[in-house]
Amino acid sequence: QCYQRKKAVWNFGIIAPFYKIRTFCNISFVKKILIILFITCYCQLVQGQSVEKILQTISDPRQKADTLRYIGRQYLMKGAPDSAAYYFNLGLTFAQQIQKNNTQIVQLYCQLSKVDEIQQNPQKALTTIRMANPYLDGTVTKSSRSNYLFFTAKYQELLLRYDSALHYLQQAEILNSSFNPYANWSIY
């Protein structure tokens, strides 16, 4: 019986911290639910407004381009590629008004190429993403450049150009290894 009592005390000593963690997780879970509820209500309010009204409240063209990219991504996730392309192109017009805004322009071209990929047109997707080439200079962030290389490789693969796809994947792997080696899982 002493062995059983020690075992029970030992088990309770192990279980007690987990009980505290579970209680903490429940509190955290409630906070998460409230945050998600707040964000959902806010997004519904924002979606209820017209895009023109939202753009009128924003004065900076960079913020306008970011907002339009966000709205385009929402439409892309909802499965409305035509609407997404409209907002990405509108965002491009604002992004191109700013000098040395190459990162944002590359991101928008990457998003536009995704629209073409969803519409099952990999040749047009490759053409669209290649339009970002003039903007790929030293000011573009490494993550945007990595996305550019990865999507280019993806479209080359869809066009059955495996040598070119491997070339771009190797470049993306080398670039990811320099700043975020854990992002290479998407390449493998």
C-alpha atoms as a PDB file:
ATOM      1  CA  GLN A   1       0.000   0.000   0.000  1.00  0.00           C
ATOM      2  CA  CYS A   2       2.907   2.363   0.616  1.00  0.00           C
ATOM      3  CA  TYR A   3       3.971   1.836  -2.951  1.00  0.00           C
ATOM      4  CA  GLN A   4       0.457   2.633  -4.168  1.00  0.00           C
ATOM      5  CA  ARG A   5       0.273   5.772  -2.002  1.00  0.00           C
ATOM      6  CA  LYS A   6       3.662   6.999  -3.275  1.00  0.00           C
ATOM      7  CA  LYS A   7       2.586   6.282  -6.818  1.00  0.00           C
ATOM      8  CA  ALA A   8      -0.633   8.264  -6.332  1.00  0.00           C
ATOM      9  CA  VAL A   9       1.257  11.214  -4.821  1.00  0.00           C
ATOM     10  CA  TRP A  10       3.801  11.041  -7.607  1.00  0.00           C
ATOM     11  CA  ASN A  11       1.045  10.963 -10.250  1.00  0.00           C
ATOM     12  CA  PHE A  12      -0.726  13.903  -8.607  1.00  0.00           C
ATOM     13  CA  GLY A  13       2.580  15.793  -8.561  1.00  0.00           C
ATOM     14  CA  ILE A  14       2.810  15.319 -12.309  1.00  0.00           C
ATOM     15  CA  ILE A  15      -0.875  15.927 -13.024  1.00  0.00           C
ATOM     16  CA  ALA A  16      -1.225  19.082 -10.894  1.00  0.00           C
ATOM     17  CA  PRO A  17       0.933  21.302 -13.131  1.00  0.00           C
ATOM     18  CA  PHE A  18      -0.988  20.077 -16.191  1.00  0.00           C
ATOM     19  CA  TYR A  19      -4.261  20.973 -14.469  1.00  0.00           C
ATOM     20  CA  LYS A  20      -2.940  24.512 -13.959  1.00  0.00           C
ATOM     21  CA  ILE A  21      -1.859  24.697 -17.588  1.00  0.00           C
ATOM     22  CA  ARG A  22      -5.261  23.438 -18.722  1.00  0.00           C
ATOM     23  CA  THR A  23      -6.990  26.095 -16.620  1.00  0.00           C
ATOM     24  CA  PHE A  24      -4.696  28.740 -18.092  1.00  0.00           C
ATOM     25  CA  CYS A  25      -5.394  27.434 -21.592  1.00  0.00           C
ATOM     26  CA  ASN A  26      -9.132  27.701 -20.955  1.00  0.00           C
ATOM     27  CA  ILE A  27      -8.707  31.348 -20.017  1.00  0.00           C
ATOM     28  CA  SER A  28      -6.511  31.877 -23.026  1.00  0.00           C
ATOM     29  CA  PHE A  29      -9.053  30.064 -25.168  1.00  0.00           C
ATOM     30  CA  VAL A  30     -11.792  32.422 -24.026  1.00  0.00           C
ATOM     31  CA  LYS A  31      -9.568  35.394 -24.860  1.00  0.00           C
ATOM     32  CA  LYS A  32      -8.888  33.910 -28.273  1.00  0.00           C
ATOM     33  CA  ILE A  33     -12.596  33.463 -28.911  1.00  0.00           C
ATOM     34  CA  LEU A  34     -13.286  37.075 -27.899  1.00  0.00           C
ATOM     35  CA  ILE A  35     -10.500  38.359 -30.142  1.00  0.00           C
ATOM     36  CA  ILE A  36     -11.760  36.294 -33.073  1.00  0.00           C
ATOM     37  CA  LEU A  37     -15.302  37.541 -32.433  1.00  0.00           C
ATOM     38  CA  PHE A  38     -14.101  41.149 -32.340  1.00  0.00           C
ATOM     39  CA  ILE A  39     -12.074  40.766 -35.541  1.00  0.00           C
ATOM     40  CA  THR A  40     -14.997  39.081 -37.284  1.00  0.00           C
ATOM     41  CA  CYS A  41     -17.395  41.867 -36.305  1.00  0.00           C
ATOM     42  CA  TYR A  42     -14.879  44.516 -37.359  1.00  0.00           C
ATOM     43  CA  CYS A  43     -14.299  42.823 -40.707  1.00  0.00           C
ATOM     44  CA  GLN A  44     -18.042  42.637 -41.287  1.00  0.00           C
ATOM     45  CA  LEU A  45     -18.315  46.368 -40.596  1.00  0.00           C
ATOM     46  CA  VAL A  46     -15.419  47.108 -42.934  1.00  0.00           C
ATOM     47  CA  GLN A  47     -16.832  44.841 -45.633  1.00  0.00           C
ATOM     48  CA  GLY A  48     -20.147  46.615 -45.285  1.00  0.00           C
ATOM     49  CA  GLN A  49     -18.505  49.867 -46.344  1.00  0.00           C
ATOM     50  CA  SER A  50     -17.767  50.543 -49.953  1.00  0.00           C
ATOM     51  CA  VAL A  51     -14.162  50.314 -51.054  1.00  0.00           C
ATOM     52  CA  GLU A  52     -14.312  53.854 -52.420  1.00  0.00           C
ATOM     53  CA  LYS A  53     -15.346  55.159 -49.008  1.00  0.00           C
ATOM     54  CA  ILE A  54     -12.481  53.285 -47.350  1.00  0.00           C
ATOM     55  CA  LEU A  55      -9.991  54.630 -49.897  1.00  0.00           C
ATOM     56  CA  GLN A  56     -11.219  58.181 -49.353  1.00  0.00           C
ATOM     57  CA  THR A  57     -10.329  57.958 -45.676  1.00  0.00           C
ATOM     58  CA  ILE A  58      -6.754  56.908 -46.498  1.00  0.00           C
ATOM     59  CA  SER A  59      -4.382  59.617 -47.712  1.00  0.00           C
ATOM     60  CA  ASP A  60      -1.152  57.651 -48.207  1.00  0.00           C
ATOM     61  CA  PRO A  61      -0.941  55.783 -51.567  1.00  0.00           C
ATOM     62  CA  ARG A  62       1.178  53.056 -49.927  1.00  0.00           C
ATOM     63  CA  GLN A  63      -1.608  52.340 -47.441  1.00  0.00           C
ATOM     64  CA  LYS A  64      -4.157  52.389 -50.247  1.00  0.00           C
ATOM     65  CA  ALA A  65      -2.136  49.803 -52.157  1.00  0.00           C
ATOM     66  CA  ASP A  66      -1.825  47.637 -49.030  1.00  0.00           C
ATOM     67  CA  THR A  67      -5.547  47.894 -48.373  1.00  0.00           C
ATOM     68  CA  LEU A  68      -6.379  46.942 -51.944  1.00  0.00           C
ATOM     69  CA  ARG A  69      -3.950  44.015 -51.777  1.00  0.00           C
ATOM     70  CA  TYR A  70      -5.659  42.849 -48.586  1.00  0.00           C
ATOM     71  CA  ILE A  71      -9.115  43.135 -50.168  1.00  0.00           C
ATOM     72  CA  GLY A  72      -7.861  41.313 -53.266  1.00  0.00           C
ATOM     73  CA  ARG A  73      -6.489  38.492 -51.119  1.00  0.00           C
ATOM     74  CA  GLN A  74      -9.861  38.203 -49.393  1.00  0.00           C
ATOM     75  CA  TYR A  75     -11.571  37.819 -52.762  1.00  0.00           C
ATOM     76  CA  LEU A  76      -8.908  35.343 -53.851  1.00  0.00           C
ATOM     77  CA  MET A  77      -9.575  33.206 -50.771  1.00  0.00           C
ATOM     78  CA  LYS A  78     -13.329  33.407 -51.398  1.00  0.00           C
ATOM     79  CA  GLY A  79     -12.822  32.021 -54.886  1.00  0.00           C
ATOM     80  CA  ALA A  80     -13.547  35.210 -56.826  1.00  0.00           C
ATOM     81  CA  PRO A  81     -10.407  35.633 -58.935  1.00  0.00           C
ATOM     82  CA  ASP A  82     -11.875  38.309 -61.223  1.00  0.00           C
ATOM     83  CA  SER A  83     -12.647  40.602 -58.300  1.00  0.00           C
ATOM     84  CA  ALA A  84      -9.241  39.834 -56.810  1.00  0.00           C
ATOM     85  CA  ALA A  85      -7.511  40.774 -60.065  1.00  0.00           C
ATOM     86  CA  TYR A  86      -9.449  44.050 -60.176  1.00  0.00           C
ATOM     87  CA  TYR A  87      -8.285  45.048 -56.695  1.00  0.00           C
ATOM     88  CA  PHE A  88      -4.695  43.903 -57.323  1.00  0.00           C
ATOM     89  CA  ASN A  89      -4.532  45.996 -60.504  1.00  0.00           C
ATOM     90  CA  LEU A  90      -6.027  48.975 -58.694  1.00  0.00           C
ATOM     91  CA  GLY A  91      -3.451  48.481 -55.936  1.00  0.00           C
ATOM     92  CA  LEU A  92      -0.713  48.422 -58.567  1.00  0.00           C
ATOM     93  CA  THR A  93      -1.752  51.843 -59.830  1.00  0.00           C
ATOM     94  CA  PHE A  94      -1.341  53.276 -56.323  1.00  0.00           C
ATOM     95  CA  ALA A  95       1.894  51.368 -55.660  1.00  0.00           C
ATOM     96  CA  GLN A  96       3.497  52.602 -58.866  1.00  0.00           C
ATOM     97  CA  GLN A  97       2.850  56.217 -57.864  1.00  0.00           C
ATOM     98  CA  ILE A  98       5.447  55.898 -55.106  1.00  0.00           C
ATOM     99  CA  GLN A  99       9.148  55.960 -55.877  1.00  0.00           C
ATOM    100  CA  LYS A 100      11.260  53.092 -54.521  1.00  0.00           C
ATOM    101  CA  ASN A 101       8.208  51.031 -53.623  1.00  0.00           C
ATOM    102  CA  ASN A 102       9.472  47.941 -55.379  1.00  0.00           C
ATOM    103  CA  THR A 103       8.643  45.436 -52.635  1.00  0.00           C
ATOM    104  CA  GLN A 104       4.959  46.272 -52.732  1.00  0.00           C
ATOM    105  CA  ILE A 105       4.884  46.136 -56.524  1.00  0.00           C
ATOM    106  CA  VAL A 106       6.562  42.705 -56.555  1.00  0.00           C
ATOM    107  CA  GLN A 107       4.060  41.453 -53.972  1.00  0.00           C
ATOM    108  CA  LEU A 108       1.139  42.663 -56.071  1.00  0.00           C
ATOM    109  CA  TYR A 109       2.510  41.021 -59.220  1.00  0.00           C
ATOM    110  CA  CYS A 110       2.936  37.761 -57.276  1.00  0.00           C
ATOM    111  CA  GLN A 111      -0.693  37.988 -56.173  1.00  0.00           C
ATOM    112  CA  LEU A 112      -1.825  38.741 -59.731  1.00  0.00           C
ATOM    113  CA  SER A 113       0.032  35.687 -60.980  1.00  0.00           C
ATOM    114  CA  LYS A 114      -1.805  33.579 -58.395  1.00  0.00           C
ATOM    115  CA  VAL A 115      -5.063  34.764 -59.940  1.00  0.00           C
ATOM    116  CA  ASP A 116      -3.911  33.489 -63.324  1.00  0.00           C
ATOM    117  CA  GLU A 117      -2.850  30.199 -61.764  1.00  0.00           C
ATOM    118  CA  ILE A 118      -6.268  29.750 -60.151  1.00  0.00           C
ATOM    119  CA  GLN A 119      -7.849  30.411 -63.541  1.00  0.00           C
ATOM    120  CA  GLN A 120      -5.656  27.557 -64.836  1.00  0.00           C
ATOM    121  CA  ASN A 121      -3.549  29.685 -67.125  1.00  0.00           C
ATOM    122  CA  PRO A 122       0.079  29.038 -66.098  1.00  0.00           C
ATOM    123  CA  GLN A 123       1.531  30.736 -69.182  1.00  0.00           C
ATOM    124  CA  LYS A 124      -0.249  33.980 -68.340  1.00  0.00           C
ATOM    125  CA  ALA A 125       0.775  33.560 -64.688  1.00  0.00           C
ATOM    126  CA  LEU A 126       4.401  33.296 -65.756  1.00  0.00           C
ATOM    127  CA  THR A 127       4.031  36.357 -67.991  1.00  0.00           C
ATOM    128  CA  THR A 128       2.430  38.295 -65.146  1.00  0.00           C
ATOM    129  CA  ILE A 129       5.093  37.428 -62.601  1.00  0.00           C
ATOM    130  CA  ARG A 130       7.847  38.295 -65.080  1.00  0.00           C
ATOM    131  CA  MET A 131       6.426  41.823 -65.191  1.00  0.00           C
ATOM    132  CA  ALA A 132       7.946  42.196 -61.710  1.00  0.00           C
ATOM    133  CA  ASN A 133      11.492  41.710 -63.072  1.00  0.00           C
ATOM    134  CA  PRO A 134      12.266  45.429 -63.506  1.00  0.00           C
ATOM    135  CA  TYR A 135      11.379  46.012 -59.855  1.00  0.00           C
ATOM    136  CA  LEU A 136      13.650  43.299 -58.442  1.00  0.00           C
ATOM    137  CA  ASP A 137      16.522  45.379 -57.159  1.00  0.00           C
ATOM    138  CA  GLY A 138      18.361  45.649 -53.855  1.00  0.00           C
ATOM    139  CA  THR A 139      15.471  47.396 -52.129  1.00  0.00           C
ATOM    140  CA  VAL A 140      13.104  44.420 -52.415  1.00  0.00           C
ATOM    141  CA  THR A 141      12.842  42.398 -49.217  1.00  0.00           C
ATOM    142  CA  LYS A 142      14.247  38.910 -49.217  1.00  0.00           C
ATOM    143  CA  SER A 143      10.876  37.348 -48.439  1.00  0.00           C
ATOM    144  CA  SER A 144       9.266  39.042 -51.456  1.00  0.00           C
ATOM    145  CA  ARG A 145      12.160  37.979 -53.673  1.00  0.00           C
ATOM    146  CA  SER A 146      11.844  34.439 -52.319  1.00  0.00           C
ATOM    147  CA  ASN A 147       8.113  34.400 -53.096  1.00  0.00           C
ATOM    148  CA  TYR A 148       8.874  35.642 -56.587  1.00  0.00           C
ATOM    149  CA  LEU A 149      11.394  32.832 -57.159  1.00  0.00           C
ATOM    150  CA  PHE A 150       9.110  30.182 -55.676  1.00  0.00           C
ATOM    151  CA  PHE A 151       6.088  31.179 -57.759  1.00  0.00           C
ATOM    152  CA  THR A 152       8.198  31.417 -60.901  1.00  0.00           C
ATOM    153  CA  ALA A 153       9.428  27.875 -60.256  1.00  0.00           C
ATOM    154  CA  LYS A 154       5.873  26.725 -59.647  1.00  0.00           C
ATOM    155  CA  TYR A 155       4.658  28.119 -62.971  1.00  0.00           C
ATOM    156  CA  GLN A 156       7.668  26.665 -64.799  1.00  0.00           C
ATOM    157  CA  GLU A 157       6.766  23.293 -63.315  1.00  0.00           C
ATOM    158  CA  LEU A 158       3.143  23.645 -64.431  1.00  0.00           C
ATOM    159  CA  LEU A 159       4.431  24.335 -67.941  1.00  0.00           C
ATOM    160  CA  LEU A 160       6.559  21.151 -67.706  1.00  0.00           C
ATOM    161  CA  ARG A 161       9.840  23.086 -67.794  1.00  0.00           C
ATOM    162  CA  TYR A 162      11.462  21.132 -65.001  1.00  0.00           C
ATOM    163  CA  ASP A 163      15.027  22.381 -65.530  1.00  0.00           C
ATOM    164  CA  SER A 164      13.924  25.995 -65.184  1.00  0.00           C
ATOM    165  CA  ALA A 165      11.772  25.108 -62.195  1.00  0.00           C
ATOM    166  CA  LEU A 166      14.738  23.478 -60.452  1.00  0.00           C
ATOM    167  CA  HIS A 167      16.880  26.512 -61.206  1.00  0.00           C
ATOM    168  CA  TYR A 168      14.412  28.902 -59.544  1.00  0.00           C
ATOM    169  CA  LEU A 169      13.819  26.523 -56.627  1.00  0.00           C
ATOM    170  CA  GLN A 170      17.564  26.343 -55.966  1.00  0.00           C
ATOM    171  CA  GLN A 171      17.788  30.129 -56.010  1.00  0.00           C
ATOM    172  CA  ALA A 172      14.867  30.357 -53.582  1.00  0.00           C
ATOM    173  CA  GLU A 173      16.494  27.769 -51.323  1.00  0.00           C
ATOM    174  CA  ILE A 174      19.785  29.671 -51.232  1.00  0.00           C
ATOM    175  CA  LEU A 175      17.991  32.926 -50.522  1.00  0.00           C
ATOM    176  CA  ASN A 176      15.838  31.389 -47.773  1.00  0.00           C
ATOM    177  CA  SER A 177      18.902  29.826 -46.165  1.00  0.00           C
ATOM    178  CA  SER A 178      20.425  33.266 -45.733  1.00  0.00           C
ATOM    179  CA  PHE A 179      17.547  34.834 -43.794  1.00  0.00           C
ATOM    180  CA  ASN A 180      14.963  32.188 -42.854  1.00  0.00           C
ATOM    181  CA  PRO A 181      16.151  28.585 -43.255  1.00  0.00           C
ATOM    182  CA  TYR A 182      12.920  27.196 -41.807  1.00  0.00           C
ATOM    183  CA  ALA A 183      11.002  28.538 -44.792  1.00  0.00           C
ATOM    184  CA  ASN A 184      12.689  25.976 -47.021  1.00  0.00           C
ATOM    185  CA  TRP A 185      10.046  23.377 -46.114  1.00  0.00           C
ATOM    186  CA  SER A 186       7.835  24.828 -48.838  1.00  0.00           C
ATOM    187  CA  ILE A 187      10.566  24.288 -51.399  1.00  0.00           C
ATOM    188  CA  TYR A 188      11.211  20.682 -50.477  1.00  0.00           C
END
